[in-house]
Amino acid sequence: MERLITVPARSRHGRPWPGLVLGLLWLLGLGVSHAATPLNGAWREVRTDDTAQTVLDEYRAGLLKNFDPSLLQQFPRSSTGSWVVIAPQPPWNNDERVLTIYPPPMGTVTVLGTGETQSLALDDFSETLHGHGRLAWRVPATQAASALILLRFEPNLMLSAPVRFQIQTWSEYLRQDARWLVFASACFAVMLAMVLMALCFALMLRDVAYAWYAGYILCYTLIQGIQTGFMFHPLEWSWLSGVALMAGPAAVALSVAFASLFMMRFCELQRHAPLLRVPIMALAVGMIQLVLMRCSHIALLVEVAQILLNPLLMIGAVLLLVAAIVAVARGSRQAWFFLIGWTPLLLLTASTSAQVSGALPQLDWLNDASLAGGAFEAIVLSLGLADRALILRHDRDIVRVLADRDALTNVLNRRAWTERASALLASGSPQPIALLFLDLDHFKLLNDRQGHNTGDRALVAVAKALAAELRPSDLLGRYGGEEFVALLDGAMPQQAMHVAIRLCRRVHRLEIPVSDEPLLLSVSIGVAIRREGDDVESLVERADQAMYDAKLNGRNRVCLHEETVSPNAPASSRLHVVEKRE
């Protein structure tokens, strides 16, 4: 069974390296030895005329290449495979033992012990012992603790990851196996939880960035699930055994495509790094084409896709890193989140690639680090998406306020006031509602004599005075020019008249001169009370009529619409002179 990916030594896409977390994992014993039996090892490539006995004889004669089984060892890719001899060293323990191979190779390993031959593979669903996150072989009780163990790594045309070997007691094996299951289950649970959250937000907010993020993390989860064997054991997804070789590389290419699309929108490259959008989009399109070529079952296209995948992965990783750095330098807040989750990928890739050449053989925990890194990256990018959502909401609220407010006076503009007043009238509230229509007296004269800047300052002063006099629940708006409107919920006619009188006095006492003559800016106010069947237009129309009555009767006064007052009532009950200083 060939490797899923052609990148060197399990080089996986999207593997961040949270240093402190990984160090803790190492100290906790995930991927390190625990009181294992001391081992010696030796290997050579398989020849056509080999037998198990000839290989063991050569080992005893010292003709095989020695290596330390407790450290990662890379076996070369060949068309015949490799022989591996594992020799337990004293002190020997005849208790029940288990041989483990970590990380689990994607190919088949055949064990030729003193008993029957047995094949070990991730996609083996027989009743034999299955390791979690590793291959495991239960040493027969009849086999002496000092007996040599002969393994054959079957031919594998793909580049395999370096592996290490352990012989543990049954109890120690079960403890380490349980720890790995808890650790891996938690990592996969975090990643899938982040995917579900992102999909929900993508539907609610209609933001495609969440969908690209979900696709990226989901592909990463699939890659990890296949390469660690988690989807084979314990999930027992036997249907994957026939498609794993295709699904793995396809998931890798798609993860790069989704990461590119996500990064462009998340980091706002159109704004912060527009020149890099074209190559990153080309990378996404190229990765999708590789997936189609890989799935075409045409030998030539499959081979070309296999050759191109590795260099495109390396180019893509560097390109996305550079784009994120440029975006950070130009002020993208979200690019910081991307860098925190993405930069460790290059460190991890460089480390695992170095292991292919024999470097860092003691760092076997890098394989579990990539799984923990997936959960770490999912959380970091989710925090970045949450931060982005809050910023977008804040910006939207600011835009909404700017759209609803008059740019000069900061009270509601005519559209926003009309919408809110209509909603209040349509609510069916039994409370009486009064509308005040205010028009500044001699405002045109003030503009003509002192200029529009003075007129603007007068409008701002009047708006502040009106807002200070009204309740927070009252709707104050600028209707146009020098006209203001105020909707008072729960105000009876007499209360509305008292409020209007206070407003009239407040404006007059601002003592804003209209001209050199002793003429101060004042306001005429018309008051109308809602009646059955009224809408905003009809209510404004009656208040406007009442305001014109106030103008005709000398300005700087309040007038209640005549239909609100009893026909036999005196005129003074609907007309009130506030100040008579004109």
Protein backbone atom coordinates (compact mmCIF):
# COMPACT_ATOMS: atom_id res chain seq x y z
CA MET A 1 0.00 0.00 0.00
CA GLU A 2 1.61 3.23 -1.08
CA ARG A 3 2.01 6.38 0.96
CA LEU A 4 -0.77 8.91 0.77
CA ILE A 5 1.45 11.86 -0.02
CA THR A 6 4.60 12.30 -2.03
CA VAL A 7 5.99 14.94 0.32
CA PRO A 8 9.08 13.89 2.27
CA ALA A 9 8.68 12.07 5.54
CA ARG A 10 5.03 12.61 6.31
CA SER A 11 5.20 16.28 5.39
CA ARG A 12 1.61 17.27 5.98
CA HIS A 13 -0.24 20.38 5.05
CA GLY A 14 -1.36 22.75 7.76
CA ARG A 15 0.64 21.35 10.69
CA PRO A 16 1.35 24.13 13.19
CA TRP A 17 3.80 23.60 16.06
CA PRO A 18 2.56 24.95 19.37
CA GLY A 19 5.87 24.61 21.22
CA LEU A 20 4.71 24.59 24.82
CA VAL A 21 1.86 22.15 24.12
CA LEU A 22 4.15 19.83 22.20
CA GLY A 23 6.72 19.89 24.97
CA LEU A 24 4.05 18.90 27.47
CA LEU A 25 2.90 16.09 25.18
CA TRP A 26 6.47 14.82 25.03
CA LEU A 27 6.79 14.93 28.82
CA LEU A 28 3.49 13.09 29.17
CA GLY A 29 4.93 10.27 27.12
CA LEU A 30 3.07 10.43 23.83
CA GLY A 31 5.44 8.92 21.34
CA VAL A 32 8.37 8.22 23.67
CA SER A 33 9.65 5.08 25.29
CA HIS A 34 8.24 3.74 28.55
CA ALA A 35 10.36 1.04 30.19
CA ALA A 36 10.66 -0.73 26.82
CA THR A 37 12.89 -3.74 26.25
CA PRO A 38 16.37 -2.71 24.95
CA LEU A 39 16.66 -3.57 21.26
CA ASN A 40 19.27 -3.90 18.54
CA GLY A 41 18.33 -3.72 14.90
CA ALA A 42 19.69 -4.35 11.45
CA TRP A 43 18.31 -4.20 7.91
CA ARG A 44 18.98 -4.65 4.20
CA GLU A 45 16.98 -4.57 1.00
CA VAL A 46 15.14 -7.69 -0.13
CA ARG A 47 16.69 -9.84 -2.85
CA THR A 48 14.76 -12.26 -5.06
CA ASP A 49 16.44 -15.39 -3.69
CA ASP A 50 16.05 -14.47 -0.02
CA THR A 51 14.58 -16.74 2.65
CA ALA A 52 13.94 -15.97 6.29
CA GLN A 53 16.76 -18.26 7.37
CA THR A 54 19.35 -16.72 5.03
CA VAL A 55 18.52 -13.25 6.33
CA LEU A 56 18.88 -14.39 9.95
CA ASP A 57 22.15 -16.11 9.13
CA GLU A 58 23.47 -12.92 7.55
CA TYR A 59 22.43 -10.98 10.63
CA ARG A 60 24.36 -13.34 12.90
CA ALA A 61 27.33 -12.96 10.57
CA GLY A 62 27.14 -9.18 10.87
CA LEU A 63 26.37 -8.60 7.19
CA LEU A 64 23.29 -6.36 7.71
CA LYS A 65 23.28 -2.62 8.36
CA ASN A 66 22.87 -1.88 12.06
CA PHE A 67 20.55 0.81 13.47
CA ASP A 68 19.02 1.80 16.81
CA PRO A 69 15.35 0.67 16.82
CA SER A 70 14.47 3.18 19.55
CA LEU A 71 15.27 6.05 17.15
CA LEU A 72 13.53 6.88 13.90
CA GLN A 73 14.96 4.91 10.99
CA GLN A 74 14.23 5.58 7.32
CA PHE A 75 14.11 2.52 5.03
CA PRO A 76 14.71 3.29 1.36
CA ARG A 77 12.00 3.12 -1.27
CA SER A 78 12.54 0.04 -3.42
CA SER A 79 10.66 -2.32 -5.69
CA THR A 80 11.46 -5.35 -3.49
CA GLY A 81 11.10 -4.06 0.06
CA SER A 82 13.38 -4.26 3.10
CA TRP A 83 14.28 -6.90 5.69
CA VAL A 84 14.43 -5.73 9.31
CA VAL A 85 15.76 -7.83 12.19
CA ILE A 86 14.84 -6.81 15.76
CA ALA A 87 17.00 -8.38 18.48
CA PRO A 88 15.76 -8.02 22.11
CA GLN A 89 18.59 -7.40 24.56
CA PRO A 90 18.93 -8.42 28.21
CA PRO A 91 17.44 -8.22 30.71
CA TRP A 92 14.84 -10.39 28.98
CA ASN A 93 11.26 -10.46 30.14
CA ASN A 94 9.09 -13.46 29.27
CA ASP A 95 5.85 -11.72 30.26
CA GLU A 96 3.23 -11.06 27.60
CA ARG A 97 4.81 -8.63 25.12
CA VAL A 98 3.82 -6.43 22.16
CA LEU A 99 6.02 -5.18 19.32
CA THR A 100 4.95 -1.73 18.06
CA ILE A 101 5.96 0.24 14.97
CA TYR A 102 5.45 3.99 15.25
CA PRO A 103 4.37 5.98 13.35
CA PRO A 104 2.36 3.42 11.37
CA PRO A 105 3.71 3.02 7.84
CA MET A 106 1.16 3.18 5.06
CA GLY A 107 2.47 -0.03 3.52
CA THR A 108 2.27 -3.60 4.76
CA VAL A 109 4.74 -5.09 7.24
CA THR A 110 5.05 -8.90 7.37
CA VAL A 111 6.19 -10.51 10.63
CA LEU A 112 8.08 -13.81 10.21
CA GLY A 113 8.40 -15.09 13.76
CA THR A 114 8.98 -18.55 15.07
CA GLY A 115 5.31 -19.25 14.57
CA GLU A 116 3.03 -18.39 11.66
CA THR A 117 3.58 -15.41 9.37
CA GLN A 118 1.37 -12.37 10.01
CA SER A 119 0.78 -9.18 8.02
CA LEU A 120 0.37 -5.82 9.74
CA ALA A 121 -1.35 -2.90 7.98
CA LEU A 122 -3.53 0.07 8.90
CA ASP A 123 -6.35 -1.17 6.67
CA ASP A 124 -6.31 -4.67 8.15
CA PHE A 125 -9.73 -5.37 9.74
CA SER A 126 -9.13 -8.96 10.85
CA GLU A 127 -9.50 -10.13 14.44
CA THR A 128 -5.82 -9.67 15.20
CA LEU A 129 -4.43 -7.03 17.58
CA HIS A 130 -4.75 -3.49 16.23
CA GLY A 131 -2.66 -0.67 17.59
CA HIS A 132 -4.03 2.86 17.70
CA GLY A 133 -1.72 5.34 16.02
CA ARG A 134 0.82 2.54 15.40
CA LEU A 135 1.14 -1.02 14.14
CA ALA A 136 1.18 -3.67 16.85
CA TRP A 137 2.10 -7.37 16.91
CA ARG A 138 1.46 -9.52 19.93
CA VAL A 139 4.53 -11.68 20.50
CA PRO A 140 3.46 -15.34 20.87
CA ALA A 141 3.79 -16.70 24.40
CA THR A 142 5.78 -19.65 22.97
CA GLN A 143 8.46 -17.33 21.58
CA ALA A 144 11.44 -16.80 23.85
CA ALA A 145 12.13 -13.25 24.98
CA SER A 146 15.60 -13.44 23.43
CA ALA A 147 14.39 -14.73 20.03
CA LEU A 148 15.04 -12.64 16.95
CA ILE A 149 12.06 -10.98 15.23
CA LEU A 150 12.20 -10.81 11.44
CA LEU A 151 10.11 -8.17 9.63
CA ARG A 152 9.66 -7.53 5.96
CA PHE A 153 8.59 -4.07 4.83
CA GLU A 154 6.74 -4.80 1.62
CA PRO A 155 7.53 -2.85 -1.59
CA ASN A 156 6.36 0.72 -1.40
CA LEU A 157 6.78 3.09 -4.32
CA MET A 158 5.91 6.12 -2.23
CA LEU A 159 8.32 7.81 0.16
CA SER A 160 7.75 6.31 3.59
CA ALA A 161 8.10 7.98 6.95
CA PRO A 162 10.92 6.93 9.30
CA VAL A 163 9.74 4.57 12.05
CA ARG A 164 10.93 3.30 15.41
CA PHE A 165 10.31 -0.03 17.18
CA GLN A 166 9.41 -0.94 20.75
CA ILE A 167 8.74 -4.13 22.67
CA GLN A 168 6.53 -3.40 25.67
CA THR A 169 4.79 -5.47 28.28
CA TRP A 170 1.10 -5.97 27.68
CA SER A 171 0.08 -3.70 30.58
CA GLU A 172 2.40 -0.90 29.45
CA TYR A 173 1.14 -1.21 25.89
CA LEU A 174 -2.48 -0.90 27.04
CA ARG A 175 -1.70 2.20 29.12
CA GLN A 176 0.10 3.97 26.26
CA ASP A 177 -2.59 2.91 23.80
CA ALA A 178 -5.32 4.36 26.04
CA ARG A 179 -3.40 7.64 26.45
CA TRP A 180 -3.02 7.98 22.69
CA LEU A 181 -6.71 7.28 22.11
CA VAL A 182 -7.73 9.99 24.58
CA PHE A 183 -5.24 12.44 23.08
CA ALA A 184 -6.21 11.74 19.44
CA SER A 185 -9.95 11.73 20.18
CA ALA A 186 -9.65 15.13 21.88
CA CYS A 187 -7.72 16.59 18.92
CA PHE A 188 -10.20 15.28 16.36
CA ALA A 189 -13.13 16.44 18.50
CA VAL A 190 -11.73 19.98 18.65
CA MET A 191 -11.17 20.11 14.88
CA LEU A 192 -14.63 18.77 14.05
CA ALA A 193 -16.25 21.11 16.57
CA MET A 194 -14.55 24.06 14.89
CA VAL A 195 -15.74 22.82 11.49
CA LEU A 196 -19.36 22.58 12.66
CA MET A 197 -19.16 26.02 14.24
CA ALA A 198 -17.76 27.51 11.04
CA LEU A 199 -20.46 25.91 8.90
CA CYS A 200 -23.18 27.28 11.18
CA PHE A 201 -21.72 30.78 11.01
CA ALA A 202 -21.27 30.50 7.25
CA LEU A 203 -25.03 29.84 6.92
CA MET A 204 -26.09 32.49 9.45
CA LEU A 205 -23.73 35.26 8.35
CA ARG A 206 -23.61 34.26 4.67
CA ASP A 207 -19.84 34.74 4.77
CA VAL A 208 -17.92 32.40 2.47
CA ALA A 209 -14.73 32.81 4.55
CA TYR A 210 -16.23 30.48 7.17
CA ALA A 211 -16.97 27.89 4.48
CA TRP A 212 -13.38 27.97 3.17
CA TYR A 213 -12.11 27.60 6.72
CA ALA A 214 -14.42 24.65 7.35
CA GLY A 215 -13.24 22.96 4.15
CA TYR A 216 -9.59 23.49 5.07
CA ILE A 217 -9.89 22.07 8.61
CA LEU A 218 -12.09 19.19 7.41
CA CYS A 219 -9.50 18.16 4.79
CA TYR A 220 -6.77 18.41 7.39
CA THR A 221 -8.79 16.19 9.74
CA LEU A 222 -9.24 13.62 6.97
CA ILE A 223 -5.48 13.61 6.26
CA GLN A 224 -4.67 13.08 9.92
CA GLY A 225 -7.37 10.46 10.33
CA ILE A 226 -5.94 8.39 7.48
CA GLN A 227 -2.26 8.81 8.27
CA THR A 228 -2.58 8.06 11.99
CA GLY A 229 -4.93 5.18 11.23
CA PHE A 230 -7.63 6.65 13.48
CA MET A 231 -10.27 6.20 10.80
CA PHE A 232 -9.28 2.55 10.40
CA HIS A 233 -8.90 1.84 14.13
CA PRO A 234 -10.84 2.59 16.27
CA LEU A 235 -13.45 4.00 13.85
CA GLU A 236 -13.37 0.85 11.69
CA TRP A 237 -14.18 2.72 8.47
CA SER A 238 -13.35 -0.23 6.25
CA TRP A 239 -14.70 1.54 3.15
CA LEU A 240 -11.68 3.86 3.29
CA SER A 241 -9.20 1.03 2.70
CA GLY A 242 -9.93 1.01 -1.02
CA VAL A 243 -9.90 4.77 -1.52
CA ALA A 244 -7.30 5.93 1.00
CA LEU A 245 -4.55 6.17 -1.60
CA MET A 246 -6.72 8.52 -3.65
CA ALA A 247 -8.45 10.31 -0.77
CA GLY A 248 -5.19 11.21 1.01
CA PRO A 249 -3.48 13.17 -1.79
CA ALA A 250 -6.82 14.66 -2.84
CA ALA A 251 -7.39 15.89 0.72
CA VAL A 252 -3.89 17.39 0.81
CA ALA A 253 -4.40 19.28 -2.46
CA LEU A 254 -7.89 20.44 -1.46
CA SER A 255 -6.62 21.61 1.93
CA VAL A 256 -4.12 23.89 0.17
CA ALA A 257 -6.85 25.16 -2.17
CA PHE A 258 -9.23 25.88 0.72
CA ALA A 259 -6.43 27.47 2.77
CA SER A 260 -5.58 29.77 -0.15
CA LEU A 261 -9.19 30.86 -0.66
CA PHE A 262 -9.69 31.30 3.07
CA MET A 263 -6.48 33.29 3.45
CA MET A 264 -7.36 35.71 0.64
CA ARG A 265 -10.66 36.63 2.25
CA PHE A 266 -9.67 36.30 5.89
CA CYS A 267 -6.52 38.44 5.59
CA GLU A 268 -8.19 40.87 3.13
CA LEU A 269 -5.47 40.52 0.52
CA GLN A 270 -7.43 42.66 -1.94
CA ARG A 271 -6.85 45.55 0.42
CA HIS A 272 -3.50 44.72 2.03
CA ALA A 273 -1.61 42.71 -0.61
CA PRO A 274 -3.44 43.00 -3.96
CA LEU A 275 -0.45 41.87 -6.05
CA LEU A 276 -0.33 38.51 -4.24
CA ARG A 277 -3.98 37.67 -4.90
CA VAL A 278 -3.26 36.44 -8.44
CA PRO A 279 -0.56 33.86 -7.54
CA ILE A 280 -2.55 32.63 -4.53
CA MET A 281 -5.68 32.23 -6.65
CA ALA A 282 -3.57 30.40 -9.24
CA LEU A 283 -2.32 28.10 -6.46
CA ALA A 284 -5.89 27.29 -5.42
CA VAL A 285 -6.95 26.58 -9.01
CA GLY A 286 -3.82 24.49 -9.62
CA MET A 287 -4.48 22.34 -6.56
CA ILE A 288 -8.05 21.69 -7.65
CA GLN A 289 -6.75 20.64 -11.06
CA LEU A 290 -4.34 18.23 -9.38
CA VAL A 291 -7.27 16.64 -7.57
CA LEU A 292 -9.14 16.18 -10.85
CA MET A 293 -6.04 14.71 -12.49
CA ARG A 294 -5.50 12.34 -9.55
CA CYS A 295 -9.10 11.14 -9.73
CA SER A 296 -9.10 10.72 -13.53
CA HIS A 297 -7.65 7.15 -13.40
CA ILE A 298 -5.59 8.07 -16.47
CA ALA A 299 -2.10 6.79 -15.77
CA LEU A 300 -0.27 9.73 -17.32
CA LEU A 301 -2.38 12.36 -15.52
CA VAL A 302 -2.10 10.52 -12.21
CA GLU A 303 1.69 10.37 -12.54
CA VAL A 304 1.95 14.06 -13.45
CA ALA A 305 -0.27 15.01 -10.49
CA GLN A 306 1.91 12.91 -8.20
CA ILE A 307 5.07 14.61 -9.44
CA LEU A 308 3.64 18.15 -9.15
CA LEU A 309 2.02 17.81 -5.73
CA ASN A 310 5.18 17.99 -3.64
CA PRO A 311 6.75 21.14 -5.23
CA LEU A 312 3.39 22.91 -5.29
CA LEU A 313 2.93 22.17 -1.59
CA MET A 314 6.29 23.73 -0.74
CA ILE A 315 5.72 26.73 -3.01
CA GLY A 316 2.22 27.21 -1.64
CA ALA A 317 3.34 27.11 2.00
CA VAL A 318 5.99 29.77 1.40
CA LEU A 319 3.63 31.89 -0.73
CA LEU A 320 0.91 31.94 1.92
CA LEU A 321 3.46 32.75 4.60
CA VAL A 322 4.85 35.67 2.58
CA ALA A 323 1.34 36.96 1.85
CA ALA A 324 0.46 36.82 5.55
CA ILE A 325 3.64 38.71 6.50
CA VAL A 326 2.93 41.41 3.90
CA ALA A 327 -0.67 41.71 5.12
CA VAL A 328 0.53 42.05 8.74
CA ALA A 329 3.02 44.72 7.73
CA ARG A 330 0.23 46.65 6.03
CA GLY A 331 -2.13 46.55 8.97
CA SER A 332 -4.21 43.37 8.65
CA ARG A 333 -5.26 42.30 12.14
CA GLN A 334 -6.53 38.90 10.99
CA ALA A 335 -3.21 38.10 9.30
CA TRP A 336 -1.68 37.81 12.77
CA PHE A 337 -4.01 34.91 13.54
CA PHE A 338 -3.09 33.27 10.25
CA LEU A 339 0.63 33.65 10.98
CA ILE A 340 0.29 32.14 14.45
CA GLY A 341 -1.47 29.11 12.98
CA TRP A 342 0.54 28.84 9.76
CA THR A 343 4.18 29.67 10.51
CA PRO A 344 4.76 26.54 12.66
CA LEU A 345 3.78 24.49 9.58
CA LEU A 346 7.09 25.37 7.95
CA LEU A 347 9.01 24.43 11.10
CA LEU A 348 7.24 21.09 11.31
CA THR A 349 7.67 20.42 7.58
CA ALA A 350 11.37 21.27 7.77
CA SER A 351 11.83 19.00 10.80
CA THR A 352 10.02 16.00 9.31
CA SER A 353 11.82 16.49 6.00
CA ALA A 354 15.13 16.52 7.84
CA GLN A 355 14.22 13.19 9.45
CA VAL A 356 14.16 11.58 5.99
CA SER A 357 17.88 12.38 5.73
CA GLY A 358 18.57 10.91 9.17
CA ALA A 359 18.45 14.14 11.17
CA LEU A 360 16.51 14.52 14.42
CA PRO A 361 15.88 10.78 14.90
CA GLN A 362 14.99 11.30 18.56
CA LEU A 363 12.08 13.64 17.79
CA ASP A 364 9.53 10.92 17.13
CA TRP A 365 6.87 13.01 18.88
CA LEU A 366 6.68 15.30 15.83
CA ASN A 367 4.06 12.95 14.42
CA ASP A 368 1.77 13.42 17.41
CA ALA A 369 2.69 17.10 17.38
CA SER A 370 1.12 17.45 13.96
CA LEU A 371 -2.14 16.07 15.33
CA ALA A 372 -2.09 18.41 18.32
CA GLY A 373 -1.10 21.20 15.95
CA GLY A 374 -4.24 20.63 13.91
CA ALA A 375 -6.40 21.25 16.97
CA PHE A 376 -4.27 24.24 17.94
CA GLU A 377 -4.54 25.78 14.49
CA ALA A 378 -8.29 25.18 14.37
CA ILE A 379 -8.71 27.02 17.67
CA VAL A 380 -6.43 29.92 16.66
CA LEU A 381 -8.17 30.44 13.33
CA SER A 382 -11.58 30.15 15.01
CA LEU A 383 -10.55 32.90 17.40
CA GLY A 384 -9.46 34.91 14.38
CA LEU A 385 -12.83 34.36 12.72
CA ALA A 386 -14.61 35.38 15.91
CA ASP A 387 -12.48 38.52 16.09
CA ARG A 388 -13.27 39.21 12.44
CA ALA A 389 -16.99 38.79 13.07
CA LEU A 390 -16.85 41.25 15.98
CA ILE A 391 -14.98 43.79 13.87
CA LEU A 392 -17.46 43.41 11.01
CA ARG A 393 -20.36 43.80 13.42
CA HIS A 394 -18.78 46.90 14.94
CA ASP A 395 -18.21 48.37 11.48
CA ARG A 396 -21.76 47.51 10.47
CA ASP A 397 -23.14 49.22 13.58
CA ILE A 398 -21.07 52.32 12.81
CA VAL A 399 -22.32 52.35 9.22
CA ARG A 400 -25.88 51.92 10.43
CA VAL A 401 -25.50 54.84 12.83
CA LEU A 402 -23.99 56.98 10.10
CA ALA A 403 -26.80 56.02 7.74
CA ASP A 404 -29.48 56.85 10.33
CA ARG A 405 -28.02 60.07 11.67
CA ASP A 406 -28.04 63.52 10.20
CA ALA A 407 -24.42 64.35 9.41
CA LEU A 408 -24.66 67.90 10.80
CA THR A 409 -26.86 67.71 13.89
CA ASN A 410 -26.40 63.99 14.79
CA VAL A 411 -30.13 63.51 15.31
CA LEU A 412 -32.11 61.02 13.23
CA ASN A 413 -32.37 61.91 9.57
CA ARG A 414 -35.73 62.02 7.80
CA ARG A 415 -35.59 58.43 6.50
CA ALA A 416 -34.57 56.86 9.81
CA TRP A 417 -37.05 58.97 11.79
CA THR A 418 -39.89 58.05 9.42
CA GLU A 419 -39.05 54.33 9.68
CA ARG A 420 -38.98 54.35 13.46
CA ALA A 421 -42.08 56.52 13.76
CA SER A 422 -43.95 54.20 11.38
CA ALA A 423 -42.90 51.18 13.44
CA LEU A 424 -44.16 52.87 16.63
CA LEU A 425 -47.49 53.78 15.07
CA ALA A 426 -47.88 50.28 13.61
CA SER A 427 -47.17 48.61 16.96
CA GLY A 428 -50.79 49.15 18.00
CA SER A 429 -49.83 50.71 21.33
CA PRO A 430 -52.93 52.06 23.14
CA GLN A 431 -50.88 54.94 24.52
CA PRO A 432 -51.57 58.39 23.04
CA ILE A 433 -48.89 59.69 20.69
CA ALA A 434 -48.11 63.33 19.98
CA LEU A 435 -46.14 64.75 17.07
CA LEU A 436 -44.30 68.05 17.30
CA PHE A 437 -43.33 69.81 14.07
CA LEU A 438 -40.71 72.51 14.66
CA ASP A 439 -39.59 75.21 12.22
CA LEU A 440 -36.93 77.80 13.08
CA ASP A 441 -38.05 81.40 12.67
CA HIS A 442 -36.04 83.79 10.45
CA PHE A 443 -33.45 81.08 9.70
CA LYS A 444 -33.14 82.15 6.04
CA LEU A 445 -32.39 85.68 7.20
CA LEU A 446 -29.68 84.37 9.54
CA ASN A 447 -28.05 82.48 6.63
CA ASP A 448 -28.24 85.51 4.36
CA ARG A 449 -26.86 87.95 6.91
CA GLN A 450 -24.21 85.83 8.68
CA GLY A 451 -23.42 83.01 6.26
CA HIS A 452 -24.11 79.31 6.07
CA ASN A 453 -21.39 78.38 8.57
CA THR A 454 -23.17 80.41 11.22
CA GLY A 455 -26.44 78.81 10.19
CA ASP A 456 -24.91 75.33 10.57
CA ARG A 457 -23.65 76.18 14.04
CA ALA A 458 -27.11 77.44 14.95
CA LEU A 459 -28.69 74.16 13.76
CA VAL A 460 -26.23 72.13 15.84
CA ALA A 461 -26.94 74.25 18.95
CA VAL A 462 -30.71 73.94 18.48
CA ALA A 463 -30.50 70.15 17.96
CA LYS A 464 -28.48 69.75 21.17
CA ALA A 465 -30.96 71.89 23.10
CA LEU A 466 -33.95 69.93 21.81
CA ALA A 467 -32.31 66.56 22.57
CA ALA A 468 -31.44 67.69 26.10
CA GLU A 469 -35.05 68.73 26.76
CA LEU A 470 -36.71 65.54 25.41
CA ARG A 471 -36.78 62.08 26.98
CA PRO A 472 -34.44 59.36 25.63
CA SER A 473 -37.50 57.44 24.40
CA ASP A 474 -38.77 60.39 22.32
CA LEU A 475 -37.93 60.30 18.62
CA LEU A 476 -36.19 63.49 17.52
CA GLY A 477 -35.23 63.97 13.90
CA ARG A 478 -34.26 66.56 11.35
CA TYR A 479 -37.03 66.64 8.77
CA GLY A 480 -35.25 68.94 6.36
CA GLY A 481 -33.47 72.33 6.27
CA GLU A 482 -34.41 74.11 9.47
CA GLU A 483 -37.33 71.75 10.29
CA PHE A 484 -37.29 69.22 13.15
CA VAL A 485 -39.85 66.64 14.27
CA ALA A 486 -40.36 64.93 17.61
CA LEU A 487 -42.63 61.98 18.35
CA LEU A 488 -43.74 61.70 21.98
CA ASP A 489 -45.08 58.31 23.05
CA GLY A 490 -47.64 58.36 25.86
CA ALA A 491 -48.20 62.14 25.76
CA MET A 492 -51.70 63.58 26.21
CA PRO A 493 -52.53 66.90 24.42
CA GLN A 494 -51.88 69.01 27.50
CA GLN A 495 -48.56 67.20 28.20
CA ALA A 496 -47.50 67.59 24.57
CA MET A 497 -48.23 71.33 24.76
CA HIS A 498 -46.12 71.67 27.92
CA VAL A 499 -43.19 69.85 26.25
CA ALA A 500 -43.51 72.03 23.14
CA ILE A 501 -43.56 75.19 25.26
CA ARG A 502 -40.37 74.09 27.04
CA LEU A 503 -38.72 73.47 23.68
CA CYS A 504 -39.80 76.85 22.41
CA ARG A 505 -38.39 78.60 25.45
CA ARG A 506 -35.15 76.55 25.37
CA VAL A 507 -34.43 77.58 21.77
CA HIS A 508 -35.26 81.23 22.36
CA ARG A 509 -33.00 81.34 25.42
CA LEU A 510 -30.03 80.20 23.35
CA GLU A 511 -29.98 83.87 22.32
CA ILE A 512 -28.68 83.25 18.83
CA PRO A 513 -28.79 86.63 17.03
CA VAL A 514 -30.36 86.61 13.58
CA SER A 515 -28.96 89.99 12.49
CA ASP A 516 -27.53 93.16 13.89
CA GLU A 517 -31.03 94.10 14.95
CA PRO A 518 -32.26 92.83 18.36
CA LEU A 519 -33.80 89.73 16.76
CA LEU A 520 -33.09 86.29 18.25
CA LEU A 521 -33.53 82.88 16.65
CA SER A 522 -36.79 81.25 17.78
CA VAL A 523 -38.97 78.31 16.80
CA SER A 524 -42.61 77.82 15.91
CA ILE A 525 -44.10 74.45 16.86
CA GLY A 526 -47.20 72.67 15.67
CA VAL A 527 -48.65 69.82 17.76
CA ALA A 528 -50.89 67.00 16.51
CA ILE A 529 -52.26 64.04 18.47
CA ARG A 530 -52.62 60.63 16.85
CA ARG A 531 -56.15 59.55 16.05
CA GLU A 532 -57.47 56.28 14.68
CA GLY A 533 -56.26 55.49 11.17
CA ASP A 534 -53.32 57.88 11.33
CA ASP A 535 -50.01 57.07 9.71
CA VAL A 536 -46.81 59.10 9.79
CA GLU A 537 -47.73 61.13 6.72
CA SER A 538 -51.16 62.20 7.96
CA LEU A 539 -49.85 62.97 11.44
CA VAL A 540 -47.00 65.09 10.06
CA GLU A 541 -49.43 66.89 7.76
CA ARG A 542 -51.65 67.99 10.67
CA ALA A 543 -48.70 69.01 12.83
CA ASP A 544 -47.31 71.00 9.87
CA GLN A 545 -50.64 72.83 9.52
CA ALA A 546 -50.57 73.68 13.20
CA MET A 547 -47.00 74.96 12.83
CA TYR A 548 -48.09 77.31 10.01
CA ASP A 549 -50.86 78.60 12.27
CA ALA A 550 -48.17 79.41 14.84
CA LYS A 551 -46.17 81.23 12.14
CA LEU A 552 -49.20 83.22 11.00
CA ASN A 553 -49.96 84.24 14.57
CA GLY A 554 -46.55 85.86 15.09
CA ARG A 555 -43.95 83.02 15.40
CA ASN A 556 -42.11 81.92 18.56
CA ARG A 557 -45.16 80.09 19.81
CA VAL A 558 -46.88 76.69 19.99
CA CYS A 559 -50.12 75.78 18.28
CA LEU A 560 -52.22 72.64 18.80
CA HIS A 561 -54.01 71.38 15.69
CA GLU A 562 -57.59 72.69 15.75
CA GLU A 563 -59.23 69.26 15.30
CA THR A 564 -57.70 68.18 18.60
CA VAL A 565 -59.51 70.95 20.48
CA SER A 566 -63.26 71.13 21.11
CA PRO A 567 -64.99 73.51 18.64
CA ASN A 568 -66.39 75.59 21.52
CA ALA A 569 -63.00 75.96 23.26
CA PRO A 570 -61.37 79.42 23.26
CA ALA A 571 -58.46 80.04 20.90
CA SER A 572 -56.10 80.37 23.84
CA SER A 573 -56.50 76.67 24.52
CA ARG A 574 -54.70 75.81 21.29
CA LEU A 575 -52.35 78.77 20.84
CA HIS A 576 -49.65 79.73 23.32
CA VAL A 577 -47.31 82.67 23.02
CA VAL A 578 -43.96 81.80 24.56
CA GLU A 579 -41.94 85.01 24.45
CA LYS A 580 -42.81 88.30 22.87
CA ARG A 581 -39.42 89.88 22.32
CA GLU A 582 -39.54 90.30 18.56
